[in-house]
N, C-alpha and C. Protein backbone atom coordinates (compact mmCIF):
# COMPACT_ATOMS: atom_id res chain seq x y z
N MET A 1 -39.00 17.63 72.38
CA MET A 1 -38.45 16.46 71.82
C MET A 1 -38.42 16.59 70.31
N ALA A 2 -37.21 16.30 69.66
CA ALA A 2 -37.14 16.43 68.22
C ALA A 2 -37.12 14.97 67.59
N HIS A 3 -37.84 14.89 66.61
CA HIS A 3 -37.91 13.62 65.96
C HIS A 3 -36.95 13.60 64.78
N GLU A 4 -36.11 12.59 64.75
CA GLU A 4 -35.14 12.51 63.57
C GLU A 4 -35.67 11.65 62.54
N ARG A 5 -35.64 12.04 61.32
CA ARG A 5 -36.05 11.19 60.30
C ARG A 5 -35.06 10.00 60.02
N GLU A 6 -35.59 8.84 59.74
CA GLU A 6 -34.89 7.63 59.53
C GLU A 6 -34.25 7.71 58.13
N SER A 7 -33.00 7.24 58.11
CA SER A 7 -32.29 7.11 56.82
C SER A 7 -32.19 5.68 56.36
N PHE A 8 -32.59 5.41 55.20
CA PHE A 8 -32.67 3.91 54.76
C PHE A 8 -31.36 3.71 54.04
N PRO A 9 -30.63 2.68 54.39
CA PRO A 9 -29.38 2.28 53.67
C PRO A 9 -29.63 1.89 52.24
N THR A 10 -28.75 2.41 51.32
CA THR A 10 -28.95 2.04 49.89
C THR A 10 -27.73 1.38 49.30
N LEU A 11 -26.62 1.44 50.11
CA LEU A 11 -25.42 0.81 49.68
C LEU A 11 -25.05 -0.33 50.70
N ALA A 12 -24.15 -1.28 50.23
CA ALA A 12 -23.68 -2.26 51.24
C ALA A 12 -22.18 -2.01 51.38
N ASP A 13 -21.70 -1.99 52.60
CA ASP A 13 -20.30 -1.90 52.98
C ASP A 13 -19.63 -3.24 52.72
N GLY A 14 -18.34 -3.30 52.98
CA GLY A 14 -17.57 -4.53 52.87
C GLY A 14 -18.08 -5.78 53.59
N SER A 15 -18.76 -5.46 54.64
CA SER A 15 -19.36 -6.59 55.43
C SER A 15 -20.76 -7.03 55.11
N GLY A 16 -21.36 -6.29 54.03
CA GLY A 16 -22.64 -6.62 53.60
C GLY A 16 -23.72 -5.98 54.38
N VAL A 17 -23.32 -5.02 55.28
CA VAL A 17 -24.23 -4.23 56.09
C VAL A 17 -24.64 -3.03 55.30
N GLY A 18 -25.90 -2.60 55.36
CA GLY A 18 -26.23 -1.37 54.54
C GLY A 18 -25.53 -0.14 55.06
N ALA A 19 -25.33 0.75 54.17
CA ALA A 19 -24.67 2.03 54.54
C ALA A 19 -25.47 3.06 53.79
N VAL A 20 -25.55 4.22 54.48
CA VAL A 20 -26.19 5.34 53.92
C VAL A 20 -25.43 6.12 52.93
N LEU A 21 -26.02 6.65 51.93
CA LEU A 21 -25.27 7.47 50.92
C LEU A 21 -24.89 8.80 51.53
N ALA A 22 -23.71 9.29 51.28
CA ALA A 22 -23.25 10.61 51.77
C ALA A 22 -23.46 11.61 50.67
N GLN A 23 -23.74 12.90 51.00
CA GLN A 23 -23.95 13.84 50.02
C GLN A 23 -22.71 14.23 49.30
N ARG A 24 -22.76 14.37 47.97
CA ARG A 24 -21.62 14.62 47.13
C ARG A 24 -22.08 15.78 46.10
N VAL A 25 -21.14 16.73 45.95
CA VAL A 25 -21.44 17.90 45.04
C VAL A 25 -20.37 18.05 43.98
N GLU A 26 -20.66 18.75 43.03
CA GLU A 26 -19.68 18.90 41.96
C GLU A 26 -18.45 19.53 42.51
N GLY A 27 -17.34 19.00 42.05
CA GLY A 27 -15.96 19.52 42.55
C GLY A 27 -15.39 18.60 43.60
N ASP A 28 -16.30 17.76 44.27
CA ASP A 28 -15.74 16.85 45.32
C ASP A 28 -14.66 15.85 44.70
N SER A 29 -13.71 15.50 45.50
CA SER A 29 -12.89 14.41 45.03
C SER A 29 -13.63 13.13 45.13
N SER A 30 -13.39 12.14 44.12
CA SER A 30 -14.05 10.96 44.13
C SER A 30 -13.34 9.90 44.95
N ALA A 31 -12.12 10.24 45.39
CA ALA A 31 -11.25 9.27 46.13
C ALA A 31 -11.96 8.83 47.47
N ALA A 32 -12.08 7.53 47.70
CA ALA A 32 -12.49 6.92 48.95
C ALA A 32 -14.01 7.48 49.33
N LYS A 33 -14.79 7.76 48.35
CA LYS A 33 -16.06 8.37 48.76
C LYS A 33 -17.11 7.29 48.38
N ASN A 34 -18.08 7.06 49.19
CA ASN A 34 -19.37 6.40 48.74
C ASN A 34 -20.41 7.43 48.53
N GLY A 35 -21.34 7.18 47.71
CA GLY A 35 -22.30 8.21 47.45
C GLY A 35 -22.74 7.99 46.03
N ALA A 36 -23.71 8.69 45.69
CA ALA A 36 -24.29 8.63 44.28
C ALA A 36 -24.53 10.03 43.81
N ILE A 37 -24.11 10.27 42.69
CA ILE A 37 -24.40 11.48 42.02
C ILE A 37 -24.76 11.18 40.62
N GLY A 38 -25.84 11.61 40.06
CA GLY A 38 -26.33 11.25 38.80
C GLY A 38 -25.43 11.72 37.67
N PHE A 39 -24.97 10.89 36.75
CA PHE A 39 -24.26 11.20 35.67
C PHE A 39 -23.02 11.90 35.92
N ALA A 40 -22.32 11.43 36.82
CA ALA A 40 -20.97 12.08 37.27
C ALA A 40 -19.86 11.59 36.45
N PHE A 41 -18.91 12.48 36.29
CA PHE A 41 -17.63 12.20 35.54
C PHE A 41 -16.60 12.56 36.56
N LYS A 42 -15.27 12.10 36.17
CA LYS A 42 -14.17 12.55 36.80
C LYS A 42 -13.37 13.36 35.88
N ASP A 43 -12.74 14.54 36.35
CA ASP A 43 -11.84 15.37 35.45
C ASP A 43 -10.42 14.73 35.67
N SER A 44 -9.47 15.35 34.97
CA SER A 44 -8.10 14.85 34.99
C SER A 44 -7.51 14.79 36.31
N THR A 45 -7.98 15.59 37.29
CA THR A 45 -7.41 15.57 38.72
C THR A 45 -8.13 14.54 39.52
N GLY A 46 -9.23 13.89 39.05
CA GLY A 46 -9.96 12.94 39.89
C GLY A 46 -11.16 13.61 40.63
N ALA A 47 -11.39 14.82 40.44
CA ALA A 47 -12.49 15.56 41.02
C ALA A 47 -13.84 15.17 40.30
N LEU A 48 -14.92 15.11 41.05
CA LEU A 48 -16.13 14.80 40.41
C LEU A 48 -16.71 16.05 39.67
N ILE A 49 -17.19 15.87 38.46
CA ILE A 49 -17.80 16.96 37.73
C ILE A 49 -19.13 16.44 37.13
N LEU A 50 -19.99 17.40 36.86
CA LEU A 50 -21.22 17.01 36.20
C LEU A 50 -21.14 17.39 34.73
N PRO A 51 -21.71 16.66 33.84
CA PRO A 51 -21.59 17.05 32.45
C PRO A 51 -22.37 18.39 32.14
N GLN A 52 -21.65 19.20 31.30
CA GLN A 52 -22.21 20.42 30.93
C GLN A 52 -22.78 20.24 29.49
N LEU A 53 -24.04 20.47 29.25
CA LEU A 53 -24.65 20.29 27.93
C LEU A 53 -24.66 21.63 27.19
N ASN A 54 -24.56 21.53 25.85
CA ASN A 54 -24.51 22.77 24.93
C ASN A 54 -25.99 23.28 24.94
N SER A 55 -26.21 24.26 24.14
CA SER A 55 -27.52 24.92 24.04
C SER A 55 -28.55 24.00 23.39
N LEU A 56 -28.06 22.98 22.68
CA LEU A 56 -28.92 22.06 22.06
C LEU A 56 -29.31 20.83 22.97
N GLY A 57 -28.76 20.87 24.21
CA GLY A 57 -28.90 19.73 25.10
C GLY A 57 -28.05 18.55 24.77
N GLN A 58 -27.00 18.74 24.03
CA GLN A 58 -26.06 17.64 23.68
C GLN A 58 -24.73 17.74 24.49
N LEU A 59 -24.19 16.56 24.75
CA LEU A 59 -22.93 16.46 25.36
C LEU A 59 -21.81 16.80 24.56
N PRO A 60 -21.13 17.98 24.69
CA PRO A 60 -19.99 18.31 23.76
C PRO A 60 -18.94 17.34 23.82
N VAL A 61 -18.36 16.88 22.65
CA VAL A 61 -17.32 15.92 22.48
C VAL A 61 -16.27 16.50 21.60
N THR A 62 -15.08 16.37 21.99
CA THR A 62 -13.83 16.75 21.16
C THR A 62 -13.12 15.49 20.84
N LEU A 63 -13.01 15.21 19.53
CA LEU A 63 -12.11 14.02 19.13
C LEU A 63 -10.69 14.49 19.00
N ASP A 64 -9.85 13.71 19.56
CA ASP A 64 -8.38 14.08 19.51
C ASP A 64 -7.78 13.48 18.21
N ALA A 65 -7.92 14.22 17.09
CA ALA A 65 -7.40 13.76 15.84
C ALA A 65 -5.82 13.76 15.77
N ALA A 66 -5.21 14.33 16.71
CA ALA A 66 -3.77 14.32 16.75
C ALA A 66 -3.23 13.03 17.07
N SER A 67 -3.99 12.14 17.65
CA SER A 67 -3.48 10.81 17.96
C SER A 67 -3.42 9.83 16.69
N LEU A 68 -4.02 10.28 15.65
CA LEU A 68 -4.01 9.51 14.43
C LEU A 68 -2.95 10.04 13.42
N ASP A 69 -2.31 9.13 12.83
CA ASP A 69 -1.45 9.57 11.75
C ASP A 69 -1.95 9.03 10.39
N ASN A 70 -2.37 9.93 9.59
CA ASN A 70 -2.93 9.65 8.23
C ASN A 70 -1.92 9.26 7.21
N LEU A 71 -1.96 8.07 6.64
CA LEU A 71 -1.01 7.66 5.64
C LEU A 71 -1.65 7.71 4.24
N TYR A 72 -0.95 8.00 3.24
CA TYR A 72 -1.57 8.21 1.89
C TYR A 72 -0.64 7.76 0.83
N ALA A 73 -1.19 7.14 -0.17
CA ALA A 73 -0.36 6.71 -1.38
C ALA A 73 -1.17 6.97 -2.60
N HIS A 74 -0.68 7.48 -3.65
CA HIS A 74 -1.45 7.65 -4.88
C HIS A 74 -0.53 7.17 -6.11
N GLY A 75 -1.07 6.54 -7.10
CA GLY A 75 -0.18 6.14 -8.19
C GLY A 75 -1.07 5.70 -9.44
N PHE A 76 -0.28 5.38 -10.47
CA PHE A 76 -1.08 5.03 -11.71
C PHE A 76 -0.12 4.06 -12.49
N HIS A 77 -0.68 3.28 -13.31
CA HIS A 77 0.08 2.46 -14.31
C HIS A 77 -0.58 2.68 -15.71
N ALA A 78 0.24 2.61 -16.72
CA ALA A 78 -0.20 2.95 -18.02
C ALA A 78 -1.33 1.95 -18.51
N GLY A 79 -1.44 0.78 -17.90
CA GLY A 79 -2.40 -0.24 -18.21
C GLY A 79 -1.78 -1.48 -18.56
N SER A 80 -2.35 -2.68 -18.03
CA SER A 80 -1.77 -3.98 -18.34
C SER A 80 -2.85 -5.03 -18.12
N ALA A 81 -2.68 -6.14 -18.84
CA ALA A 81 -3.56 -7.29 -18.71
C ALA A 81 -3.09 -8.10 -17.54
N SER A 82 -1.93 -7.84 -16.96
CA SER A 82 -1.36 -8.59 -15.81
C SER A 82 -1.44 -7.65 -14.63
N THR A 83 -1.51 -8.25 -13.40
CA THR A 83 -1.72 -7.41 -12.22
C THR A 83 -0.42 -6.59 -11.94
N GLN A 84 -0.67 -5.28 -11.65
CA GLN A 84 0.41 -4.29 -11.42
C GLN A 84 0.11 -3.57 -10.05
N THR A 85 1.25 -3.33 -9.42
CA THR A 85 1.14 -2.53 -8.14
C THR A 85 0.97 -1.09 -8.59
N ILE A 86 -0.04 -0.41 -7.98
CA ILE A 86 -0.39 0.97 -8.30
C ILE A 86 0.06 1.93 -7.26
N ALA A 87 -0.20 1.57 -6.05
CA ALA A 87 0.14 2.37 -4.89
C ALA A 87 0.63 1.53 -3.76
N THR A 88 1.55 1.96 -2.90
CA THR A 88 2.04 1.24 -1.75
C THR A 88 2.15 2.14 -0.58
N ILE A 89 1.69 1.69 0.66
CA ILE A 89 1.91 2.29 1.89
C ILE A 89 2.78 1.38 2.73
N ALA A 90 3.93 1.88 3.27
CA ALA A 90 4.78 1.07 4.18
C ALA A 90 4.21 1.25 5.54
N LEU A 91 3.94 0.05 6.29
CA LEU A 91 3.33 0.05 7.57
C LEU A 91 4.43 -0.20 8.63
N THR A 92 4.26 0.17 9.80
CA THR A 92 5.23 0.00 10.83
C THR A 92 4.83 -1.31 11.64
N VAL A 93 5.82 -2.07 11.93
CA VAL A 93 5.62 -3.38 12.55
C VAL A 93 4.88 -3.08 13.89
N ASP A 94 4.01 -4.01 14.27
CA ASP A 94 3.21 -4.04 15.49
C ASP A 94 2.40 -2.77 15.75
N ALA A 95 2.27 -1.84 14.71
CA ALA A 95 1.39 -0.76 14.92
C ALA A 95 0.00 -1.03 14.55
N LYS A 96 -0.98 -0.32 15.16
CA LYS A 96 -2.43 -0.52 14.90
C LYS A 96 -2.85 0.45 13.87
N TYR A 97 -3.78 -0.09 12.94
CA TYR A 97 -4.29 0.75 11.84
C TYR A 97 -5.80 0.62 11.88
N THR A 98 -6.41 1.67 11.24
CA THR A 98 -7.89 1.66 11.18
C THR A 98 -8.25 2.57 9.89
N ASN A 99 -9.58 2.47 9.50
CA ASN A 99 -10.11 3.19 8.44
C ASN A 99 -9.39 3.22 7.09
N ILE A 100 -9.32 2.00 6.51
CA ILE A 100 -8.64 1.81 5.24
C ILE A 100 -9.60 2.35 4.18
N GLU A 101 -9.03 3.09 3.16
CA GLU A 101 -9.99 3.56 2.13
C GLU A 101 -9.19 3.31 0.79
N MET A 102 -9.85 2.98 -0.31
CA MET A 102 -9.36 2.85 -1.53
C MET A 102 -10.18 3.63 -2.55
N LEU A 103 -9.61 4.19 -3.55
CA LEU A 103 -10.23 4.91 -4.66
C LEU A 103 -9.42 4.44 -5.88
N CYS A 104 -10.19 3.92 -6.83
CA CYS A 104 -9.56 3.35 -8.04
C CYS A 104 -10.36 3.65 -9.27
N SER A 105 -9.70 3.79 -10.42
CA SER A 105 -10.51 4.12 -11.64
C SER A 105 -9.72 3.66 -12.86
N SER A 106 -10.49 3.37 -13.90
CA SER A 106 -9.90 3.09 -15.22
C SER A 106 -11.06 3.28 -16.28
N PHE A 107 -10.75 3.60 -17.47
CA PHE A 107 -11.86 3.77 -18.56
C PHE A 107 -12.09 2.39 -19.21
N GLN A 108 -11.40 1.37 -18.84
CA GLN A 108 -11.78 -0.02 -19.39
C GLN A 108 -12.12 -0.90 -18.22
N ASP A 109 -12.75 -1.97 -18.49
CA ASP A 109 -13.08 -3.01 -17.53
C ASP A 109 -11.77 -3.38 -16.79
N SER A 110 -11.76 -3.23 -15.45
CA SER A 110 -10.65 -3.50 -14.66
C SER A 110 -10.88 -3.96 -13.37
N GLU A 111 -10.00 -4.74 -12.76
CA GLU A 111 -10.08 -5.28 -11.45
C GLU A 111 -9.07 -4.66 -10.50
N PHE A 112 -9.38 -4.27 -9.27
CA PHE A 112 -8.43 -3.73 -8.32
C PHE A 112 -8.55 -4.53 -7.09
N GLU A 113 -7.46 -4.64 -6.23
CA GLU A 113 -7.45 -5.32 -4.97
C GLU A 113 -6.62 -4.48 -4.05
N LEU A 114 -7.07 -4.32 -2.79
CA LEU A 114 -6.35 -3.72 -1.73
C LEU A 114 -5.81 -4.90 -0.96
N ILE A 115 -4.45 -5.02 -0.77
CA ILE A 115 -3.77 -6.18 -0.24
C ILE A 115 -3.01 -5.78 0.96
N TRP A 116 -2.96 -6.54 2.08
CA TRP A 116 -2.10 -6.39 3.23
C TRP A 116 -0.98 -7.45 3.05
N ASN A 117 0.20 -6.92 2.85
CA ASN A 117 1.43 -7.79 2.76
C ASN A 117 1.93 -7.93 4.16
N ASP A 118 1.82 -9.05 4.85
CA ASP A 118 2.35 -9.26 6.22
C ASP A 118 3.51 -10.27 6.06
N ASN A 119 4.72 -9.67 5.79
CA ASN A 119 5.91 -10.44 5.65
C ASN A 119 5.81 -11.62 4.55
N GLY A 120 5.21 -11.24 3.42
CA GLY A 120 5.05 -12.19 2.28
C GLY A 120 3.70 -12.87 2.31
N VAL A 121 2.97 -12.75 3.39
CA VAL A 121 1.57 -13.33 3.40
C VAL A 121 0.64 -12.33 2.84
N LEU A 122 0.10 -12.52 1.74
CA LEU A 122 -0.79 -11.52 1.11
C LEU A 122 -2.26 -11.78 1.40
N THR A 123 -2.92 -10.82 1.98
CA THR A 123 -4.34 -10.94 2.37
C THR A 123 -5.16 -9.83 1.62
N THR A 124 -5.99 -10.30 0.82
CA THR A 124 -7.01 -9.25 0.15
C THR A 124 -7.98 -8.68 1.12
N LEU A 125 -7.98 -7.41 1.22
CA LEU A 125 -8.84 -6.74 2.11
C LEU A 125 -10.11 -6.22 1.48
N MET A 126 -9.92 -5.74 0.21
CA MET A 126 -11.01 -5.18 -0.67
C MET A 126 -10.78 -5.48 -2.12
N GLN A 127 -11.82 -5.66 -2.80
CA GLN A 127 -11.74 -5.86 -4.26
C GLN A 127 -12.79 -4.83 -4.88
N ALA A 128 -12.51 -4.55 -6.16
CA ALA A 128 -13.40 -3.73 -6.92
C ALA A 128 -13.31 -3.99 -8.39
N LEU A 129 -14.43 -3.90 -9.08
CA LEU A 129 -14.43 -4.02 -10.59
C LEU A 129 -15.01 -2.70 -11.04
N VAL A 130 -14.37 -2.18 -12.08
CA VAL A 130 -14.86 -0.98 -12.69
C VAL A 130 -15.03 -1.25 -14.25
N GLY A 131 -15.94 -0.49 -14.88
CA GLY A 131 -16.14 -0.73 -16.24
C GLY A 131 -17.19 0.31 -16.69
N SER A 132 -17.71 0.07 -17.84
CA SER A 132 -18.61 1.11 -18.43
C SER A 132 -19.72 1.26 -17.48
N GLY A 133 -20.12 2.59 -17.15
CA GLY A 133 -21.09 2.90 -16.28
C GLY A 133 -20.57 3.23 -14.94
N GLN A 134 -19.48 2.73 -14.52
CA GLN A 134 -18.77 3.09 -13.34
C GLN A 134 -17.24 2.92 -13.44
N TYR A 135 -16.72 4.02 -13.90
CA TYR A 135 -15.23 4.06 -14.09
C TYR A 135 -14.41 4.22 -12.87
N THR A 136 -15.08 4.64 -11.78
CA THR A 136 -14.37 4.91 -10.52
C THR A 136 -15.08 4.24 -9.37
N PHE A 137 -14.35 3.74 -8.49
CA PHE A 137 -14.89 3.06 -7.33
C PHE A 137 -14.22 3.50 -6.07
N LYS A 138 -14.93 3.73 -5.00
CA LYS A 138 -14.43 4.16 -3.77
C LYS A 138 -15.08 3.43 -2.58
N ASP A 139 -14.19 2.91 -1.66
CA ASP A 139 -14.76 2.20 -0.55
C ASP A 139 -13.88 2.46 0.72
N LYS A 140 -14.50 2.31 1.91
CA LYS A 140 -13.84 2.53 3.15
C LYS A 140 -14.16 1.38 4.08
N MET A 141 -13.26 0.85 4.74
CA MET A 141 -13.46 -0.18 5.70
C MET A 141 -13.07 0.31 7.10
N SER A 142 -14.03 0.23 8.05
CA SER A 142 -13.76 0.77 9.38
C SER A 142 -13.37 -0.38 10.30
N ILE A 143 -12.34 -1.21 9.87
CA ILE A 143 -11.77 -2.23 10.73
C ILE A 143 -10.50 -1.85 11.25
N ASP A 144 -10.13 -2.50 12.37
CA ASP A 144 -8.77 -2.19 13.03
C ASP A 144 -8.03 -3.43 12.72
N PHE A 145 -6.75 -3.32 12.59
CA PHE A 145 -5.84 -4.45 12.49
C PHE A 145 -4.42 -3.92 12.97
N THR A 146 -3.68 -4.92 13.38
CA THR A 146 -2.29 -4.61 13.89
C THR A 146 -1.42 -5.26 12.85
N ALA A 147 -0.43 -4.50 12.27
CA ALA A 147 0.57 -5.00 11.48
C ALA A 147 1.49 -6.09 12.18
N GLY A 148 1.99 -6.99 11.48
CA GLY A 148 2.79 -8.07 11.88
C GLY A 148 4.06 -7.61 12.67
N SER A 149 4.70 -8.56 13.31
CA SER A 149 5.79 -8.21 14.15
C SER A 149 7.15 -8.35 13.39
N THR A 150 7.15 -8.96 12.28
CA THR A 150 8.41 -9.15 11.56
C THR A 150 8.30 -8.97 10.06
N GLY A 151 9.35 -8.50 9.37
CA GLY A 151 9.43 -8.44 7.94
C GLY A 151 8.66 -7.39 7.40
N THR A 152 8.47 -7.39 6.14
CA THR A 152 7.75 -6.30 5.36
C THR A 152 6.22 -6.27 5.68
N GLN A 153 5.84 -5.04 6.02
CA GLN A 153 4.44 -4.78 6.25
C GLN A 153 4.08 -3.63 5.38
N GLN A 154 3.08 -3.93 4.50
CA GLN A 154 2.61 -2.99 3.50
C GLN A 154 1.03 -3.09 3.20
N LEU A 155 0.57 -2.03 2.71
CA LEU A 155 -0.77 -1.98 2.08
C LEU A 155 -0.45 -1.78 0.57
N LEU A 156 -1.02 -2.64 -0.32
CA LEU A 156 -0.78 -2.64 -1.78
C LEU A 156 -2.03 -2.37 -2.54
N LEU A 157 -2.07 -1.42 -3.39
CA LEU A 157 -3.19 -1.32 -4.31
C LEU A 157 -2.73 -1.89 -5.65
N LYS A 158 -3.32 -2.99 -6.17
CA LYS A 158 -2.98 -3.64 -7.27
C LYS A 158 -4.18 -3.56 -8.30
N GLY A 159 -3.88 -3.61 -9.54
CA GLY A 159 -4.95 -3.55 -10.53
C GLY A 159 -4.51 -4.16 -11.83
N LYS A 160 -5.46 -4.57 -12.71
CA LYS A 160 -5.25 -5.06 -14.02
C LYS A 160 -6.46 -4.68 -14.89
N ASN A 161 -6.24 -4.56 -16.20
CA ASN A 161 -7.33 -4.35 -17.15
C ASN A 161 -7.73 -5.84 -17.58
N MET A 162 -9.08 -6.00 -17.71
CA MET A 162 -9.61 -7.27 -17.95
C MET A 162 -9.59 -7.64 -19.44
N ARG A 163 -9.51 -6.59 -20.32
CA ARG A 163 -9.51 -6.94 -21.82
C ARG A 163 -8.87 -5.84 -22.50
N ASN A 164 -8.53 -6.03 -23.78
CA ASN A 164 -7.83 -5.06 -24.59
C ASN A 164 -8.88 -4.09 -25.25
N PRO A 165 -8.60 -2.94 -25.57
CA PRO A 165 -7.33 -2.27 -25.24
C PRO A 165 -7.16 -1.93 -23.81
N VAL A 166 -5.91 -1.92 -23.31
CA VAL A 166 -5.72 -1.60 -21.93
C VAL A 166 -5.81 -0.05 -21.69
N SER A 167 -6.08 0.35 -20.51
CA SER A 167 -6.25 1.72 -20.17
C SER A 167 -5.63 1.99 -18.86
N GLN A 168 -5.20 3.29 -18.66
CA GLN A 168 -4.55 3.63 -17.41
C GLN A 168 -5.31 3.14 -16.20
N LEU A 169 -4.54 2.67 -15.23
CA LEU A 169 -5.08 2.22 -13.97
C LEU A 169 -4.69 3.29 -12.94
N THR A 170 -5.51 3.98 -12.24
CA THR A 170 -5.21 4.99 -11.29
C THR A 170 -5.85 4.56 -9.88
N GLY A 171 -5.11 4.90 -8.82
CA GLY A 171 -5.58 4.56 -7.52
C GLY A 171 -4.98 5.38 -6.42
N THR A 172 -5.71 5.52 -5.27
CA THR A 172 -5.30 6.17 -4.09
C THR A 172 -5.71 5.29 -2.90
N ILE A 173 -4.79 5.05 -1.88
CA ILE A 173 -5.10 4.32 -0.73
C ILE A 173 -4.79 5.25 0.48
N THR A 174 -5.53 5.12 1.53
CA THR A 174 -5.30 5.81 2.76
C THR A 174 -5.59 4.86 3.89
N VAL A 175 -4.90 5.11 5.02
CA VAL A 175 -5.13 4.35 6.29
C VAL A 175 -4.69 5.29 7.49
N GLN A 176 -5.31 5.10 8.60
CA GLN A 176 -4.89 5.81 9.75
C GLN A 176 -4.14 4.95 10.74
N LYS A 177 -2.99 5.37 11.21
CA LYS A 177 -2.22 4.68 12.17
C LYS A 177 -2.52 5.23 13.58
N LEU A 178 -2.99 4.38 14.39
CA LEU A 178 -3.34 4.78 15.77
C LEU A 178 -2.09 4.90 16.67
């Protein structure tokens, strides 16, 4: 007489009754399967796979940089006590953007603003003051935003000298389009 080992249900089926886990191994299709496999992933065909670690015990990750469109504008103005546009990036309506960065500099006390023009509605995203001791300023915002649906969509870098004599205003802006 053979004794069979009892199996204890660990899953519940649709009726709430316990169900036993079925064995699953790497390469099995995940479709319509109950079961548990630790740290399982699905590949592009839907087959179960186990993560492969590199020699340092890390999960290798590849970022698809091809899906991002890097936009860039650089410009300068001879200097002015009134606000001047230094660089402009034209945005696509309804497109999503991320990772806005600005770099600005002047040898005199100056104020810079990175502005989003949403069909005439101007929103200041970043501001910077430069002067003696720090003639260059760089900042990056890791925010996501979606350009408006109508009208002119732009990122504008504007600047002005805060006192005389005026000095050249230089700036660069970048953003990634998703």
